[in-house]
C-alpha atoms as a PDB file:
ATOM      1  CA  MET A   1      25.037  11.855  82.616  1.00  0.00           C
ATOM      2  CA  LYS A   2      21.946  13.904  83.484  1.00  0.00           C
ATOM      3  CA  LYS A   3      22.789  13.768  87.245  1.00  0.00           C
ATOM      4  CA  LEU A   4      26.531  15.244  86.505  1.00  0.00           C
ATOM      5  CA  ASN A   5      24.898  17.859  84.235  1.00  0.00           C
ATOM      6  CA  LEU A   6      22.696  18.870  86.594  1.00  0.00           C
ATOM      7  CA  PHE A   7      25.052  19.261  89.674  1.00  0.00           C
ATOM      8  CA  LEU A   8      27.428  21.035  87.137  1.00  0.00           C
ATOM      9  CA  ILE A   9      24.643  23.478  86.915  1.00  0.00           C
ATOM     10  CA  ARG A  10      24.044  23.560  90.484  1.00  0.00           C
ATOM     11  CA  LEU A  11      27.785  24.117  90.971  1.00  0.00           C
ATOM     12  CA  LEU A  12      28.111  27.179  88.801  1.00  0.00           C
ATOM     13  CA  GLN A  13      24.894  28.376  90.005  1.00  0.00           C
ATOM     14  CA  PHE A  14      26.365  28.475  93.742  1.00  0.00           C
ATOM     15  CA  VAL A  15      29.308  30.009  92.247  1.00  0.00           C
ATOM     16  CA  VAL A  16      27.707  33.020  90.847  1.00  0.00           C
ATOM     17  CA  PHE A  17      25.558  33.103  93.959  1.00  0.00           C
ATOM     18  CA  ALA A  18      28.769  33.366  95.980  1.00  0.00           C
ATOM     19  CA  LEU A  19      30.411  35.963  93.591  1.00  0.00           C
ATOM     20  CA  PHE A  20      27.716  38.546  93.482  1.00  0.00           C
ATOM     21  CA  THR A  21      27.124  38.039  97.588  1.00  0.00           C
ATOM     22  CA  PHE A  22      30.848  39.321  97.434  1.00  0.00           C
ATOM     23  CA  PHE A  23      30.143  41.918  95.358  1.00  0.00           C
ATOM     24  CA  VAL A  24      27.324  43.384  97.498  1.00  0.00           C
ATOM     25  CA  LEU A  25      29.283  43.020 100.525  1.00  0.00           C
ATOM     26  CA  VAL A  26      32.344  44.818  99.051  1.00  0.00           C
ATOM     27  CA  TYR A  27      30.074  47.772  97.876  1.00  0.00           C
ATOM     28  CA  PHE A  28      28.191  48.161 100.993  1.00  0.00           C
ATOM     29  CA  GLY A  29      31.322  47.378 102.956  1.00  0.00           C
ATOM     30  CA  ALA A  30      33.007  50.016 101.203  1.00  0.00           C
ATOM     31  CA  MET A  31      30.642  52.521 102.211  1.00  0.00           C
ATOM     32  CA  VAL A  32      31.000  51.858 106.077  1.00  0.00           C
ATOM     33  CA  LEU A  33      34.936  51.480 105.614  1.00  0.00           C
ATOM     34  CA  LEU A  34      35.647  54.602 103.606  1.00  0.00           C
ATOM     35  CA  PRO A  35      34.990  57.079 105.998  1.00  0.00           C
ATOM     36  CA  LEU A  36      36.986  55.245 108.853  1.00  0.00           C
ATOM     37  CA  ASP A  37      39.884  54.782 106.391  1.00  0.00           C
ATOM     38  CA  ILE A  38      39.621  58.646 106.301  1.00  0.00           C
ATOM     39  CA  VAL A  39      39.682  58.980 110.095  1.00  0.00           C
ATOM     40  CA  VAL A  40      43.095  56.581 110.077  1.00  0.00           C
ATOM     41  CA  LEU A  41      44.876  58.839 107.428  1.00  0.00           C
ATOM     42  CA  ILE A  42      44.119  62.295 108.724  1.00  0.00           C
ATOM     43  CA  SER A  43      45.065  61.311 112.171  1.00  0.00           C
ATOM     44  CA  LYS A  44      48.577  59.553 110.742  1.00  0.00           C
ATOM     45  CA  LEU A  45      48.758  62.519 108.698  1.00  0.00           C
ATOM     46  CA  LEU A  46      48.316  64.853 111.816  1.00  0.00           C
ATOM     47  CA  GLY A  47      50.515  62.384 114.286  1.00  0.00           C
ATOM     48  CA  SER A  48      53.072  62.974 111.605  1.00  0.00           C
ATOM     49  CA  LEU A  49      53.039  66.810 111.806  1.00  0.00           C
ATOM     50  CA  GLY A  50      53.840  66.707 115.313  1.00  0.00           C
ATOM     51  CA  LEU A  51      50.376  66.368 116.799  1.00  0.00           C
ATOM     52  CA  GLY A  52      49.958  63.133 118.825  1.00  0.00           C
ATOM     53  CA  THR A  53      47.619  60.628 116.850  1.00  0.00           C
ATOM     54  CA  LEU A  54      44.965  60.631 119.548  1.00  0.00           C
ATOM     55  CA  LEU A  55      44.486  64.135 119.144  1.00  0.00           C
ATOM     56  CA  GLY A  56      44.743  63.697 115.242  1.00  0.00           C
ATOM     57  CA  ALA A  57      42.074  61.091 116.091  1.00  0.00           C
ATOM     58  CA  ILE A  58      39.861  63.784 117.780  1.00  0.00           C
ATOM     59  CA  ILE A  59      40.262  66.139 115.220  1.00  0.00           C
ATOM     60  CA  ALA A  60      40.113  63.613 112.092  1.00  0.00           C
ATOM     61  CA  VAL A  61      36.398  62.836 113.661  1.00  0.00           C
ATOM     62  CA  PRO A  62      34.441  66.472 113.215  1.00  0.00           C
ATOM     63  CA  VAL A  63      36.265  66.405 109.917  1.00  0.00           C
ATOM     64  CA  VAL A  64      34.944  63.197 108.289  1.00  0.00           C
ATOM     65  CA  GLY A  65      31.697  63.851 110.052  1.00  0.00           C
ATOM     66  CA  TYR A  66      31.664  67.297 108.224  1.00  0.00           C
ATOM     67  CA  LEU A  67      32.577  65.491 104.567  1.00  0.00           C
ATOM     68  CA  GLY A  68      29.517  63.063 105.228  1.00  0.00           C
ATOM     69  CA  LYS A  69      27.471  65.996 105.815  1.00  0.00           C
ATOM     70  CA  ILE A  70      28.772  67.335 102.514  1.00  0.00           C
ATOM     71  CA  VAL A  71      28.105  63.970 100.708  1.00  0.00           C
ATOM     72  CA  TYR A  72      24.478  63.760 102.622  1.00  0.00           C
ATOM     73  CA  ASN A  73      23.539  67.105 101.311  1.00  0.00           C
ATOM     74  CA  THR A  74      24.007  66.786  97.788  1.00  0.00           C
ATOM     75  CA  PRO A  75      21.253  66.472  96.128  1.00  0.00           C
ATOM     76  CA  GLY A  76      20.584  62.681  94.764  1.00  0.00           C
ATOM     77  CA  LEU A  77      23.925  61.150  95.235  1.00  0.00           C
ATOM     78  CA  ILE A  78      22.767  58.989  98.431  1.00  0.00           C
ATOM     79  CA  PRO A  79      19.751  57.673  96.696  1.00  0.00           C
ATOM     80  CA  MET A  80      21.938  57.111  93.575  1.00  0.00           C
ATOM     81  CA  ILE A  81      24.503  54.964  95.620  1.00  0.00           C
ATOM     82  CA  ILE A  82      21.689  52.591  97.346  1.00  0.00           C
ATOM     83  CA  GLU A  83      20.461  52.479  93.825  1.00  0.00           C
ATOM     84  CA  ASN A  84      23.448  51.300  92.358  1.00  0.00           C
ATOM     85  CA  GLY A  85      23.483  48.444  95.272  1.00  0.00           C
ATOM     86  CA  ILE A  86      20.511  47.385  95.145  1.00  0.00           C
ATOM     87  CA  ASP A  87      20.888  47.258  91.216  1.00  0.00           C
ATOM     88  CA  LEU A  88      23.697  44.902  91.617  1.00  0.00           C
ATOM     89  CA  VAL A  89      21.533  42.623  94.002  1.00  0.00           C
ATOM     90  CA  ASN A  90      18.686  42.532  91.458  1.00  0.00           C
ATOM     91  CA  VAL A  91      21.309  41.404  88.815  1.00  0.00           C
ATOM     92  CA  GLY A  92      22.604  38.896  91.204  1.00  0.00           C
ATOM     93  CA  LYS A  93      19.342  37.549  91.665  1.00  0.00           C
ATOM     94  CA  GLN A  94      18.376  37.056  87.808  1.00  0.00           C
ATOM     95  CA  ARG A  95      21.713  35.530  87.024  1.00  0.00           C
ATOM     96  CA  VAL A  96      20.925  32.988  89.898  1.00  0.00           C
ATOM     97  CA  GLU A  97      17.702  32.335  88.557  1.00  0.00           C
ATOM     98  CA  ALA A  98      18.735  32.248  85.186  1.00  0.00           C
ATOM     99  CA  PHE A  99      20.648  28.849  85.909  1.00  0.00           C
ATOM    100  CA  ASN A 100      17.040  27.258  86.858  1.00  0.00           C
ATOM    101  CA  LYS A 101      16.456  27.074  83.069  1.00  0.00           C
ATOM    102  CA  PHE A 102      19.223  25.088  82.798  1.00  0.00           C
ATOM    103  CA  ALA A 103      18.648  22.638  85.340  1.00  0.00           C
ATOM    104  CA  GLU A 104      14.886  22.025  84.168  1.00  0.00           C
ATOM    105  CA  ALA A 105      16.368  21.349  80.920  1.00  0.00           C
ATOM    106  CA  ALA A 106      18.576  18.972  82.187  1.00  0.00           C
ATOM    107  CA  LYS A 107      16.501  16.958  84.055  1.00  0.00           C
END
């Protein structure tokens, strides 16, 4: 019975680890994919207005670059976003390590 309890604890620990890994990947992946999505949306909008999609993309890239510059120059925004991501990593690490107490008790 102890081995079964230990196995279930380790299984739940792995599930929590996988869940927080997914959260962190989604969080930082969204930071990368958001500007690319804006480029695609602006190029599609300009393509629907009669400009070609290639010309729309050529116009959209500097526009998104300028928007990125505005976000970068906003005081404290970038460090706050990075701190939130790091806090998410630390919370995940704490939750995974919390299972070690239960595993020690089950041994």
